[in-house]
Amino acid sequence: MQQFKKTNKMKKDIVARHWILKPRSKNVSVHNYNELLGKMQSAVDIGYTSDDVVVVGTEEQIREFFNKMFWKHAWQIRDSFNYELKDWYLEKYRENNNEVITINLQTW
């Protein structure tokens, strides 16, 4: 019974946030074989990417995680809202030594 209470308390402290990130630029490389010249050619262009992620952790952990991602990877949030905290999110959070986890929602 104590384990159940501990799990419920832990579940209340952990939150899930859905972040829609602003687009960021990144280098995109294209390599192809030019038959006329008989060699490989490369071209580099700038592409834009935007991510849709769920961040799971405590409020403090999520705040620290955002600061880290802002300074290291230039993440900026376009929109953010509460997200349903699923049981498997909690399981992955515990497997990650109770550290923040991110789940990519973008599908191709």
Protein backbone atom coordinates (compact mmCIF):
# COMPACT_ATOMS: atom_id res chain seq x y z
CA MET A 1 0.00 0.00 0.00
CA GLN A 2 2.89 2.40 0.74
CA GLN A 3 4.30 1.82 -2.73
CA PHE A 4 0.93 2.78 -4.26
CA LYS A 5 0.83 6.02 -2.25
CA LYS A 6 4.41 6.81 -3.25
CA THR A 7 3.55 6.26 -6.92
CA ASN A 8 0.50 8.53 -6.72
CA LYS A 9 2.53 11.24 -4.97
CA MET A 10 5.30 10.91 -7.54
CA LYS A 11 2.77 11.08 -10.38
CA LYS A 12 1.41 14.36 -9.00
CA ASP A 13 4.89 15.94 -8.92
CA ILE A 14 5.70 14.97 -12.50
CA VAL A 15 4.12 16.83 -15.39
CA ALA A 16 4.07 16.52 -19.15
CA ARG A 17 4.33 19.61 -21.35
CA HIS A 18 3.75 19.68 -25.10
CA TRP A 19 6.19 22.09 -26.72
CA ILE A 20 5.85 23.30 -30.28
CA LEU A 21 9.24 24.73 -31.11
CA LYS A 22 9.93 27.65 -33.42
CA PRO A 23 11.60 26.71 -36.71
CA ARG A 24 15.40 26.57 -36.65
CA SER A 25 17.83 26.57 -39.53
CA LYS A 26 20.15 23.66 -40.15
CA ASN A 27 22.55 22.63 -42.89
CA VAL A 28 21.23 20.11 -45.38
CA SER A 29 23.76 18.27 -47.56
CA VAL A 30 22.96 16.61 -50.85
CA HIS A 31 25.43 14.21 -52.49
CA ASN A 32 25.01 12.85 -55.98
CA TYR A 33 27.04 11.27 -58.72
CA ASN A 34 27.55 13.43 -61.82
CA GLU A 35 27.86 11.04 -64.77
CA LEU A 36 29.16 13.71 -67.16
CA LEU A 37 32.06 14.60 -64.87
CA GLY A 38 32.46 11.07 -63.52
CA LYS A 39 32.63 12.13 -59.90
CA MET A 40 30.59 12.77 -56.79
CA GLN A 41 29.30 16.28 -56.17
CA SER A 42 28.00 17.83 -52.99
CA ALA A 43 25.76 20.78 -52.35
CA VAL A 44 24.91 22.36 -49.01
CA ASP A 45 21.76 24.33 -48.41
CA ILE A 46 19.98 25.67 -45.37
CA GLY A 47 16.79 23.91 -44.37
CA TYR A 48 14.37 24.70 -41.59
CA THR A 49 13.14 22.30 -38.98
CA SER A 50 10.52 22.60 -36.29
CA ASP A 51 9.89 20.04 -33.60
CA ASP A 52 6.84 18.93 -31.71
CA VAL A 53 7.92 17.33 -28.40
CA VAL A 54 6.54 16.27 -25.05
CA VAL A 55 8.80 17.01 -22.10
CA VAL A 56 8.27 14.96 -18.92
CA GLY A 57 9.71 15.86 -15.51
CA THR A 58 9.14 18.09 -12.52
CA GLU A 59 8.48 21.79 -13.04
CA GLU A 60 12.02 22.62 -11.92
CA GLN A 61 13.61 19.96 -14.14
CA ILE A 62 11.65 21.18 -17.16
CA ARG A 63 12.69 24.78 -16.52
CA GLU A 64 16.37 23.77 -16.26
CA PHE A 65 16.05 21.58 -19.36
CA PHE A 66 14.61 24.47 -21.38
CA ASN A 67 17.47 26.77 -20.30
CA LYS A 68 20.00 24.14 -21.38
CA MET A 69 18.33 23.57 -24.76
CA PHE A 70 17.93 27.31 -25.34
CA TRP A 71 21.63 28.04 -24.85
CA LYS A 72 23.05 24.89 -26.47
CA HIS A 73 20.62 24.32 -29.36
CA ALA A 74 18.74 27.64 -29.72
CA TRP A 75 15.38 26.06 -28.89
CA GLN A 76 12.57 28.59 -28.68
CA ILE A 77 9.02 27.67 -27.80
CA ARG A 78 6.30 28.83 -30.17
CA ASP A 79 3.53 27.29 -28.04
CA SER A 80 3.32 25.20 -24.89
CA PHE A 81 0.50 23.50 -23.05
CA ASN A 82 -0.19 20.72 -20.55
CA TYR A 83 -0.25 17.22 -21.96
CA GLU A 84 -1.75 14.00 -20.67
CA LEU A 85 0.73 12.22 -18.39
CA LYS A 86 0.66 8.63 -19.62
CA ASP A 87 1.81 5.67 -17.55
CA TRP A 88 4.55 4.74 -20.01
CA TYR A 89 5.93 8.30 -19.76
CA LEU A 90 6.35 7.73 -16.02
CA GLU A 91 7.96 4.36 -16.68
CA LYS A 92 10.50 5.90 -19.10
CA TYR A 93 11.09 8.77 -16.68
CA ARG A 94 11.99 6.29 -13.91
CA GLU A 95 14.17 4.26 -16.30
CA ASN A 96 16.04 7.51 -17.02
CA ASN A 97 16.94 7.87 -13.31
CA ASN A 98 14.13 10.40 -12.73
CA GLU A 99 15.66 12.85 -15.21
CA VAL A 100 13.77 14.79 -17.88
CA ILE A 101 12.72 12.85 -20.97
CA THR A 102 11.61 14.20 -24.33
CA ILE A 103 9.30 12.38 -26.70
CA ASN A 104 9.25 13.43 -30.33
CA LEU A 105 5.68 13.73 -31.62
CA GLN A 106 6.60 14.63 -35.18
CA THR A 107 5.91 11.88 -37.69
CA TRP A 108 7.12 11.70 -41.26
